[in-house]
Amino acid sequence: MKRVLAELGDVVWVGDDGVERRELDFLVEVNGDLATPRLEHPKHIEFAWVGADELDRVMEHRGPQQTLVREIVTRGIAAANRSAVPNDDGPPKGGPRSG
């Protein structure tokens, strides 16, 4: 991880095992090969690059009550748009911003 760009919030949720958990989520800038990220198994078993127009993909294979991941991704996209983090592929999606 290179740096934390934004705090996305903290959520309390109960897993299938009945254990209550508290999760803190952050938007981070990372170094490395983003085409082939290394996942921390078994915590993370897959990845996907998702834009604002692809949020329905996040809900694939999830029930209607399992919206936490979509909410976190939505917050992350909003935070990224606010910070307008440039990347090696050119300007952030959505075009130039003025403030």
Protein backbone atom coordinates (compact mmCIF):
# COMPACT_ATOMS: atom_id res chain seq x y z
CA MET A 1 0.00 0.00 0.00
CA LYS A 2 1.29 3.41 -0.91
CA ARG A 3 -1.11 5.61 1.12
CA VAL A 4 -4.63 5.92 2.51
CA LEU A 5 -6.75 8.29 0.41
CA ALA A 6 -10.03 8.18 2.33
CA GLU A 7 -11.80 6.48 5.19
CA LEU A 8 -14.94 4.80 3.84
CA GLY A 9 -16.60 4.19 7.17
CA ASP A 10 -17.08 1.55 9.75
CA VAL A 11 -19.74 -1.14 9.70
CA VAL A 12 -20.90 -3.69 12.25
CA TRP A 13 -22.27 -6.92 10.75
CA VAL A 14 -23.05 -10.49 11.76
CA GLY A 15 -21.55 -13.36 9.77
CA ASP A 16 -23.19 -16.67 8.90
CA ASP A 17 -21.56 -18.04 12.06
CA GLY A 18 -23.54 -15.58 14.23
CA VAL A 19 -20.42 -13.67 15.29
CA GLU A 20 -20.68 -9.87 15.27
CA ARG A 21 -17.83 -8.13 13.46
CA ARG A 22 -16.70 -4.54 13.06
CA GLU A 23 -15.15 -3.62 9.73
CA LEU A 24 -13.21 -0.45 8.89
CA ASP A 25 -12.84 0.25 5.18
CA PHE A 26 -10.43 2.58 3.40
CA LEU A 27 -9.69 3.73 -0.14
CA VAL A 28 -5.97 3.19 -0.68
CA GLU A 29 -3.47 3.89 -3.40
CA VAL A 30 -1.24 0.93 -4.08
CA ASN A 31 2.03 0.18 -5.85
CA GLY A 32 2.58 -2.87 -7.97
CA ASP A 33 1.14 -4.76 -10.88
CA LEU A 34 -2.60 -4.08 -10.77
CA ALA A 35 -3.19 -6.47 -13.68
CA THR A 36 -2.31 -9.40 -11.42
CA PRO A 37 -2.91 -8.44 -7.79
CA ARG A 38 -1.85 -10.85 -5.05
CA LEU A 39 -4.78 -11.84 -2.88
CA GLU A 40 -4.59 -12.78 0.77
CA HIS A 41 -6.14 -16.25 0.80
CA PRO A 42 -8.54 -17.27 2.34
CA LYS A 43 -9.67 -13.73 3.22
CA HIS A 44 -9.92 -12.74 -0.43
CA ILE A 45 -10.65 -15.31 -3.10
CA GLU A 46 -11.32 -13.10 -6.11
CA PHE A 47 -11.05 -9.53 -7.35
CA ALA A 48 -12.75 -7.36 -9.97
CA TRP A 49 -12.20 -3.85 -11.22
CA VAL A 50 -15.61 -2.16 -11.02
CA GLY A 51 -16.72 1.27 -12.21
CA ALA A 52 -19.79 3.21 -11.15
CA ASP A 53 -21.71 1.86 -14.15
CA GLU A 54 -20.92 -1.75 -13.14
CA LEU A 55 -22.14 -1.86 -9.54
CA ASP A 56 -24.70 -4.57 -10.35
CA ARG A 57 -21.75 -6.96 -10.91
CA VAL A 58 -20.93 -6.63 -7.22
CA MET A 59 -24.31 -8.17 -6.35
CA GLU A 60 -23.84 -11.29 -8.52
CA HIS A 61 -24.28 -14.45 -6.44
CA ARG A 62 -25.48 -12.42 -3.44
CA GLY A 63 -28.91 -12.18 -1.88
CA PRO A 64 -30.84 -8.91 -1.61
CA GLN A 65 -29.85 -8.57 2.06
CA GLN A 66 -26.13 -8.87 1.24
CA THR A 67 -25.55 -5.29 0.14
CA LEU A 68 -22.52 -4.45 2.30
CA VAL A 69 -19.93 -4.99 -0.44
CA ARG A 70 -21.92 -2.85 -2.91
CA GLU A 71 -22.22 -0.07 -0.33
CA ILE A 72 -18.48 -0.11 0.36
CA VAL A 73 -17.61 -0.10 -3.36
CA THR A 74 -20.06 2.78 -3.92
CA ARG A 75 -18.39 4.78 -1.14
CA GLY A 76 -14.96 3.97 -2.59
CA ILE A 77 -15.92 5.15 -6.08
CA ALA A 78 -17.39 8.37 -4.66
CA ALA A 79 -14.24 9.01 -2.59
CA ALA A 80 -12.01 8.32 -5.60
CA ASN A 81 -14.01 10.77 -7.70
CA ARG A 82 -13.71 13.43 -4.98
CA SER A 83 -9.96 12.99 -4.69
CA ALA A 84 -9.51 12.70 -8.50
CA VAL A 85 -6.55 10.38 -8.06
CA PRO A 86 -4.55 10.31 -11.30
CA ASN A 87 -3.27 6.95 -12.50
CA ASP A 88 -0.84 5.76 -15.11
CA ASP A 89 -3.69 5.29 -17.60
CA GLY A 90 -4.44 9.01 -17.88
CA PRO A 91 -6.96 11.26 -16.14
CA PRO A 92 -9.68 9.84 -13.88
CA LYS A 93 -12.80 8.59 -15.61
CA GLY A 94 -15.53 11.17 -15.91
CA GLY A 95 -13.40 13.85 -17.47
CA PRO A 96 -11.78 16.91 -15.95
CA ARG A 97 -13.10 18.37 -12.72
CA SER A 98 -13.24 21.96 -11.64
CA GLY A 99 -13.92 23.22 -8.18
